[in-house]
Amino acid sequence: MGLKVLDIFCGAGGFSLGFRNSGFNLVMGIDIDHSAIRTYSTNFPNTIALEEDIRYITGDEISEYVGDIDIVIGSPPCEAFTAANSKRLKDPLERLYLDNRGNLTLEFVRILSEIKPRIFVMENVPAIVENKELEYILREEFRKAGFENIYFNFLKAEDFGNPSKRLRVFISNLKIYPIKTSKKTTVIEAIGDLDEKTDIPNNEIIEPTEKRLSEISKLSIGDYLTAYKAARRNIPLYIRLDPFDLSPTVLGNSRFIHPFSDRFLTVREQARLMSYPDDHVFIGSKDEQYNQVGEAVPVALSTAIASFIKGVL
């Protein structure tokens, strides 16, 4: 059956998929988001998909469902920490302890203390360890949960074949250093065969309004329609992608313009930029589907991590 894996804050299943690809046994995914857990359940039919607030679940209850767990993975919400959030709290410690989304990280740690897996891997934005004080405090939280050796593994998804840029920290009781791919995957290599293919799920083209079409048609490669105010800078929205380069980081609110056509990328094209396979179906409204894609761990990266862990074990 393979080593048993629990995915907390599982979302659409990008993190889980890498472990399933590597032969692990995904026994449970937990998320509070209704559409995301429907997506997870659809794509992991042999895994228990639990729609629940992690604050109200205990390790004992999880064990009643699935027994002992070998590995816990998860991606607590990053909004409290990311510089993309213009409303994040100024004090980094308050982001962890006072922000209702930030302190979900501590719920992840609590579950670890109750389940006591052999290995855990928690993904988040690098800003979660913005300074040495935060790093020390996180180490202490994990130490209190029973893990003495903690590693902050900073990994770029594009180093492992993902077509979009994404730097994330993977906090673990294991030093993780997967083998990098020798070549970057460009946008056109990722989505070039998808234009107007209607037999692939989540690939429906949404025609822009006449006004929006006029605006899009004037965009050159790298240009964008607008930007939103983040904590430190303005972040472009609706960028026309460079076909021969990596895509910018895919975020929950990301919408990209096709390199050659005057339209937005389909959900499937955007999922390709996060290295999801075409048989991974997204459920919910279009906005919910885009959000599920953007909030995931890229599958190429999760697979590299899981393969590394399998090699260590």
Protein backbone atom coordinates (compact mmCIF):
# COMPACT_ATOMS: atom_id res chain seq x y z
CA MET A 1 0.00 0.00 0.00
CA GLY A 2 2.94 2.37 0.48
CA LEU A 3 3.67 4.85 3.22
CA LYS A 4 0.54 6.69 4.39
CA VAL A 5 0.30 10.43 3.70
CA LEU A 6 -2.08 13.03 5.14
CA ASP A 7 -2.49 16.33 3.25
CA ILE A 8 -3.77 19.25 5.38
CA PHE A 9 -5.05 22.31 3.49
CA CYS A 10 -5.00 20.01 0.47
CA GLY A 11 -6.75 22.38 -1.95
CA ALA A 12 -7.10 20.90 -5.43
CA GLY A 13 -4.41 18.31 -4.73
CA GLY A 14 -1.20 19.59 -6.32
CA PHE A 15 0.90 18.59 -3.31
CA SER A 16 -0.85 15.22 -2.97
CA LEU A 17 -0.47 14.45 -6.65
CA GLY A 18 3.32 14.56 -6.44
CA PHE A 19 3.26 12.01 -3.64
CA ARG A 20 0.80 9.76 -5.46
CA ASN A 21 3.02 9.99 -8.54
CA SER A 22 5.88 8.73 -6.38
CA GLY A 23 4.03 5.71 -5.04
CA PHE A 24 2.85 6.98 -1.65
CA ASN A 25 -0.57 6.12 -0.25
CA LEU A 26 -2.68 9.28 0.10
CA VAL A 27 -5.13 8.35 2.85
CA MET A 28 -6.76 11.71 3.62
CA GLY A 29 -7.00 15.28 2.37
CA ILE A 30 -8.50 18.03 4.53
CA ASP A 31 -9.69 21.46 3.39
CA ILE A 32 -12.44 23.89 4.36
CA ASP A 33 -13.02 25.12 0.80
CA HIS A 34 -16.08 23.39 -0.67
CA SER A 35 -15.09 23.60 -4.34
CA ALA A 36 -11.48 22.62 -3.67
CA ILE A 37 -12.44 19.54 -1.66
CA ARG A 38 -14.86 18.52 -4.44
CA THR A 39 -11.96 18.78 -6.88
CA TYR A 40 -9.77 16.76 -4.52
CA SER A 41 -12.42 14.07 -4.06
CA THR A 42 -12.94 13.79 -7.81
CA ASN A 43 -9.26 13.27 -8.53
CA PHE A 44 -8.44 11.12 -5.48
CA PRO A 45 -11.42 8.72 -5.40
CA ASN A 46 -9.62 6.27 -3.10
CA THR A 47 -8.67 8.97 -0.58
CA ILE A 48 -10.88 10.30 2.22
CA ALA A 49 -11.63 13.95 1.36
CA LEU A 50 -12.74 15.79 4.49
CA GLU A 51 -14.39 19.21 4.20
CA GLU A 52 -13.67 20.66 7.61
CA ASP A 53 -12.03 23.52 9.51
CA ILE A 54 -8.74 22.14 10.82
CA ARG A 55 -9.28 24.05 14.07
CA TYR A 56 -12.03 21.61 15.01
CA ILE A 57 -10.22 18.36 14.16
CA THR A 58 -7.97 16.39 16.49
CA GLY A 59 -5.20 13.96 15.71
CA ASP A 60 -7.20 11.23 17.45
CA GLU A 61 -10.14 11.80 15.10
CA ILE A 62 -7.86 11.58 12.08
CA SER A 63 -6.35 8.35 13.44
CA GLU A 64 -9.84 6.89 13.86
CA TYR A 65 -10.35 7.36 10.12
CA VAL A 66 -7.00 6.20 8.77
CA GLY A 67 -4.81 4.83 11.56
CA ASP A 68 -1.16 5.82 11.92
CA ILE A 69 0.26 8.38 9.48
CA ASP A 70 3.82 8.23 8.15
CA ILE A 71 4.02 11.63 6.43
CA VAL A 72 2.05 14.86 6.86
CA ILE A 73 2.18 17.47 4.11
CA GLY A 74 0.28 20.70 3.82
CA SER A 75 0.04 24.29 2.66
CA PRO A 76 -1.47 26.58 5.30
CA PRO A 77 -2.87 29.84 3.87
CA CYS A 78 -0.13 32.29 2.92
CA GLU A 79 -2.21 35.50 2.82
CA ALA A 80 -1.07 36.59 6.29
CA PHE A 81 2.59 36.47 5.23
CA THR A 82 2.83 37.25 1.52
CA ALA A 83 3.90 40.67 0.32
CA ALA A 84 1.17 40.34 -2.32
CA ASN A 85 -1.33 41.12 0.45
CA SER A 86 -1.59 44.89 0.88
CA LYS A 87 -3.46 44.42 4.18
CA ARG A 88 -1.01 42.09 5.91
CA LEU A 89 -0.08 43.08 9.47
CA LYS A 90 3.12 45.08 9.86
CA ASP A 91 4.52 43.02 12.72
CA PRO A 92 5.69 39.61 11.40
CA LEU A 93 4.91 37.94 14.75
CA GLU A 94 1.35 39.27 14.70
CA ARG A 95 0.94 37.69 11.27
CA LEU A 96 1.62 34.30 12.85
CA TYR A 97 -0.21 34.65 16.16
CA LEU A 98 -2.98 37.21 15.63
CA ASP A 99 -4.02 36.86 11.99
CA ASN A 100 -6.80 34.26 11.72
CA ARG A 101 -5.25 32.82 8.56
CA GLY A 102 -1.67 33.08 9.77
CA ASN A 103 -2.33 31.13 12.94
CA LEU A 104 -3.59 28.20 10.87
CA THR A 105 0.12 27.42 10.58
CA LEU A 106 0.03 26.72 14.32
CA GLU A 107 -2.93 24.37 13.79
CA PHE A 108 -0.75 22.43 11.34
CA VAL A 109 1.91 22.18 14.06
CA ARG A 110 -0.73 21.07 16.58
CA ILE A 111 -1.83 18.22 14.32
CA LEU A 112 1.82 17.16 13.99
CA SER A 113 2.16 17.05 17.77
CA GLU A 114 -0.90 14.82 18.02
CA ILE A 115 -0.20 12.50 15.07
CA LYS A 116 3.60 12.32 15.39
CA PRO A 117 4.46 11.35 11.79
CA ARG A 118 7.93 10.25 10.74
CA ILE A 119 8.23 13.16 8.29
CA PHE A 120 6.35 16.38 7.67
CA VAL A 121 6.64 18.97 4.90
CA MET A 122 4.85 22.34 5.20
CA GLU A 123 4.80 24.71 2.22
CA ASN A 124 4.43 28.48 2.40
CA VAL A 125 5.77 31.74 0.98
CA PRO A 126 9.37 32.64 1.96
CA ALA A 127 8.07 35.67 3.90
CA ILE A 128 6.83 33.33 6.62
CA VAL A 129 10.48 33.38 7.78
CA GLU A 130 11.05 37.02 6.94
CA ASN A 131 13.57 37.51 9.76
CA LYS A 132 15.69 35.50 12.21
CA GLU A 133 13.21 36.03 15.04
CA LEU A 134 10.41 34.44 13.05
CA GLU A 135 12.67 31.58 12.04
CA TYR A 136 13.60 30.97 15.68
CA ILE A 137 9.97 31.07 16.82
CA LEU A 138 8.87 28.61 14.14
CA ARG A 139 11.69 26.26 15.11
CA GLU A 140 10.50 26.46 18.71
CA GLU A 141 6.90 25.70 17.74
CA PHE A 142 7.98 22.60 15.82
CA ARG A 143 10.36 21.61 18.63
CA LYS A 144 7.48 21.73 21.12
CA ALA A 145 5.59 19.43 18.73
CA GLY A 146 8.42 16.89 19.04
CA PHE A 147 10.70 17.73 16.11
CA GLU A 148 14.20 18.81 17.12
CA ASN A 149 15.78 19.27 13.69
CA ILE A 150 13.96 21.72 11.41
CA TYR A 151 15.05 22.71 7.90
CA PHE A 152 13.88 25.63 5.76
CA ASN A 153 14.13 24.32 2.21
CA PHE A 154 13.83 27.13 -0.35
CA LEU A 155 12.93 25.63 -3.73
CA LYS A 156 12.11 27.12 -7.13
CA ALA A 157 9.47 25.20 -9.06
CA GLU A 158 11.02 26.14 -12.39
CA ASP A 159 14.20 24.24 -11.42
CA PHE A 160 12.19 21.03 -11.60
CA GLY A 161 10.44 21.51 -14.95
CA ASN A 162 7.52 23.72 -13.95
CA PRO A 163 6.66 26.24 -16.72
CA SER A 164 5.99 29.09 -14.27
CA LYS A 165 8.21 30.74 -11.69
CA ARG A 166 7.51 29.99 -8.05
CA LEU A 167 9.82 30.29 -5.06
CA ARG A 168 8.48 28.68 -1.90
CA VAL A 169 9.84 27.48 1.43
CA PHE A 170 9.21 23.88 2.48
CA ILE A 171 9.64 23.58 6.23
CA SER A 172 10.46 20.01 7.20
CA ASN A 173 12.26 17.78 9.66
CA LEU A 174 14.24 16.65 6.63
CA LYS A 175 16.74 18.53 4.47
CA ILE A 176 15.23 18.39 0.97
CA TYR A 177 17.40 18.81 -2.12
CA PRO A 178 15.83 17.13 -5.19
CA ILE A 179 17.76 16.78 -8.45
CA LYS A 180 17.11 19.75 -10.72
CA THR A 181 16.12 19.38 -14.35
CA SER A 182 18.67 20.42 -16.96
CA LYS A 183 16.25 22.55 -19.01
CA LYS A 184 13.53 25.08 -18.29
CA THR A 185 10.05 24.49 -19.73
CA THR A 186 8.69 27.49 -21.63
CA VAL A 187 5.11 28.70 -21.91
CA ILE A 188 4.70 27.56 -25.49
CA GLU A 189 6.10 24.12 -24.69
CA ALA A 190 3.54 23.84 -21.93
CA ILE A 191 0.39 25.11 -23.67
CA GLY A 192 1.19 25.26 -27.38
CA ASP A 193 -0.97 22.26 -28.30
CA LEU A 194 -4.06 23.30 -26.34
CA ASP A 195 -5.51 26.12 -28.43
CA GLU A 196 -9.20 25.41 -29.08
CA LYS A 197 -9.03 21.74 -28.01
CA THR A 198 -12.53 21.13 -26.69
CA ASP A 199 -12.09 17.48 -25.69
CA ILE A 200 -9.86 18.32 -22.71
CA PRO A 201 -11.56 19.21 -19.40
CA ASN A 202 -11.43 22.82 -18.15
CA ASN A 203 -10.26 24.09 -21.54
CA GLU A 204 -13.30 26.15 -22.47
CA ILE A 205 -12.38 29.47 -24.03
CA ILE A 206 -14.20 32.47 -22.60
CA GLU A 207 -14.47 35.18 -25.22
CA PRO A 208 -13.66 38.64 -23.81
CA THR A 209 -16.13 41.49 -24.15
CA GLU A 210 -15.70 43.81 -27.11
CA LYS A 211 -14.19 46.49 -24.86
CA ARG A 212 -11.78 44.03 -23.23
CA LEU A 213 -10.87 42.54 -26.61
CA SER A 214 -9.91 46.00 -27.84
CA GLU A 215 -7.65 46.46 -24.80
CA ILE A 216 -6.07 43.02 -25.09
CA SER A 217 -5.37 43.40 -28.80
CA LYS A 218 -3.05 46.34 -28.07
CA LEU A 219 -0.84 44.39 -25.66
CA SER A 220 2.63 43.35 -26.72
CA ILE A 221 4.53 40.48 -25.08
CA GLY A 222 5.12 41.33 -21.42
CA ASP A 223 2.57 44.17 -21.35
CA TYR A 224 -0.31 44.07 -18.90
CA LEU A 225 -3.74 45.63 -18.56
CA THR A 226 -3.67 46.71 -14.93
CA ALA A 227 -1.99 46.13 -11.57
CA TYR A 228 -3.05 45.77 -7.97
CA LYS A 229 -1.43 47.27 -4.91
CA ALA A 230 0.55 44.78 -2.83
CA ALA A 231 2.38 45.34 0.46
CA ARG A 232 5.61 46.49 -1.18
CA ARG A 233 4.85 47.12 -4.85
CA ASN A 234 2.21 46.96 -7.52
CA ILE A 235 1.76 43.53 -9.08
CA PRO A 236 0.77 43.37 -12.79
CA LEU A 237 -2.46 41.65 -13.77
CA TYR A 238 -3.47 40.32 -17.18
CA ILE A 239 0.06 40.00 -18.58
CA ARG A 240 0.52 38.83 -22.16
CA LEU A 241 2.86 35.88 -21.73
CA ASP A 242 6.18 35.49 -23.50
CA PRO A 243 5.86 32.16 -25.34
CA PHE A 244 9.58 31.43 -25.18
CA ASP A 245 10.13 32.16 -21.50
CA LEU A 246 8.79 30.98 -18.15
CA SER A 247 5.45 32.31 -17.02
CA PRO A 248 5.37 34.67 -14.04
CA THR A 249 4.19 33.14 -10.77
CA VAL A 250 0.62 31.85 -10.99
CA LEU A 251 -1.40 33.29 -8.10
CA GLY A 252 -4.97 32.71 -7.01
CA ASN A 253 -6.04 35.90 -8.75
CA SER A 254 -3.79 35.42 -11.79
CA ARG A 255 -5.29 35.73 -15.23
CA PHE A 256 -2.85 35.69 -18.13
CA ILE A 257 -3.25 36.74 -21.76
CA HIS A 258 -2.41 34.12 -24.39
CA PRO A 259 0.89 34.81 -26.19
CA PHE A 260 -0.69 34.81 -29.67
CA SER A 261 -4.47 34.96 -29.27
CA ASP A 262 -6.40 37.94 -27.93
CA ARG A 263 -7.95 36.11 -24.99
CA PHE A 264 -7.31 34.93 -21.44
CA LEU A 265 -5.77 31.53 -20.83
CA THR A 266 -8.24 28.78 -20.12
CA VAL A 267 -8.21 27.06 -16.73
CA ARG A 268 -6.48 24.08 -18.38
CA GLU A 269 -3.78 26.24 -19.93
CA GLN A 270 -3.18 27.86 -16.56
CA ALA A 271 -3.10 24.39 -14.95
CA ARG A 272 -0.47 23.34 -17.49
CA LEU A 273 1.66 26.25 -16.21
CA MET A 274 1.48 24.53 -12.80
CA SER A 275 2.33 21.15 -14.41
CA TYR A 276 -1.06 19.57 -13.68
CA PRO A 277 -1.88 16.63 -15.99
CA ASP A 278 -4.87 17.03 -18.29
CA ASP A 279 -6.88 14.34 -16.51
CA HIS A 280 -6.89 16.36 -13.28
CA VAL A 281 -10.36 17.92 -13.37
CA PHE A 282 -11.20 21.15 -11.54
CA ILE A 283 -14.68 21.61 -10.03
CA GLY A 284 -16.52 24.84 -9.22
CA SER A 285 -17.08 28.22 -10.84
CA LYS A 286 -14.47 29.52 -13.25
CA ASP A 287 -13.05 31.87 -10.60
CA GLU A 288 -12.89 28.98 -8.12
CA GLN A 289 -11.09 26.81 -10.66
CA TYR A 290 -8.51 29.51 -11.42
CA ASN A 291 -8.00 30.04 -7.69
CA GLN A 292 -7.48 26.32 -7.09
CA VAL A 293 -4.79 26.27 -9.77
CA GLY A 294 -3.01 29.35 -8.47
CA GLU A 295 -3.00 28.29 -4.83
CA ALA A 296 -1.47 24.87 -5.48
CA VAL A 297 1.97 23.40 -5.09
CA PRO A 298 3.12 22.88 -8.71
CA VAL A 299 2.97 19.19 -9.52
CA ALA A 300 6.47 19.08 -10.99
CA LEU A 301 7.83 20.43 -7.71
CA SER A 302 5.70 18.23 -5.44
CA THR A 303 6.76 15.19 -7.46
CA ALA A 304 10.43 16.14 -7.12
CA ILE A 305 10.02 16.53 -3.36
CA ALA A 306 8.15 13.26 -2.97
CA SER A 307 10.67 11.37 -5.11
CA PHE A 308 13.49 12.74 -2.97
CA ILE A 309 11.75 11.66 0.23
CA LYS A 310 11.09 8.21 -1.22
CA GLY A 311 14.79 7.91 -2.00
CA VAL A 312 15.72 8.86 1.56
CA LEU A 313 13.27 6.36 3.05
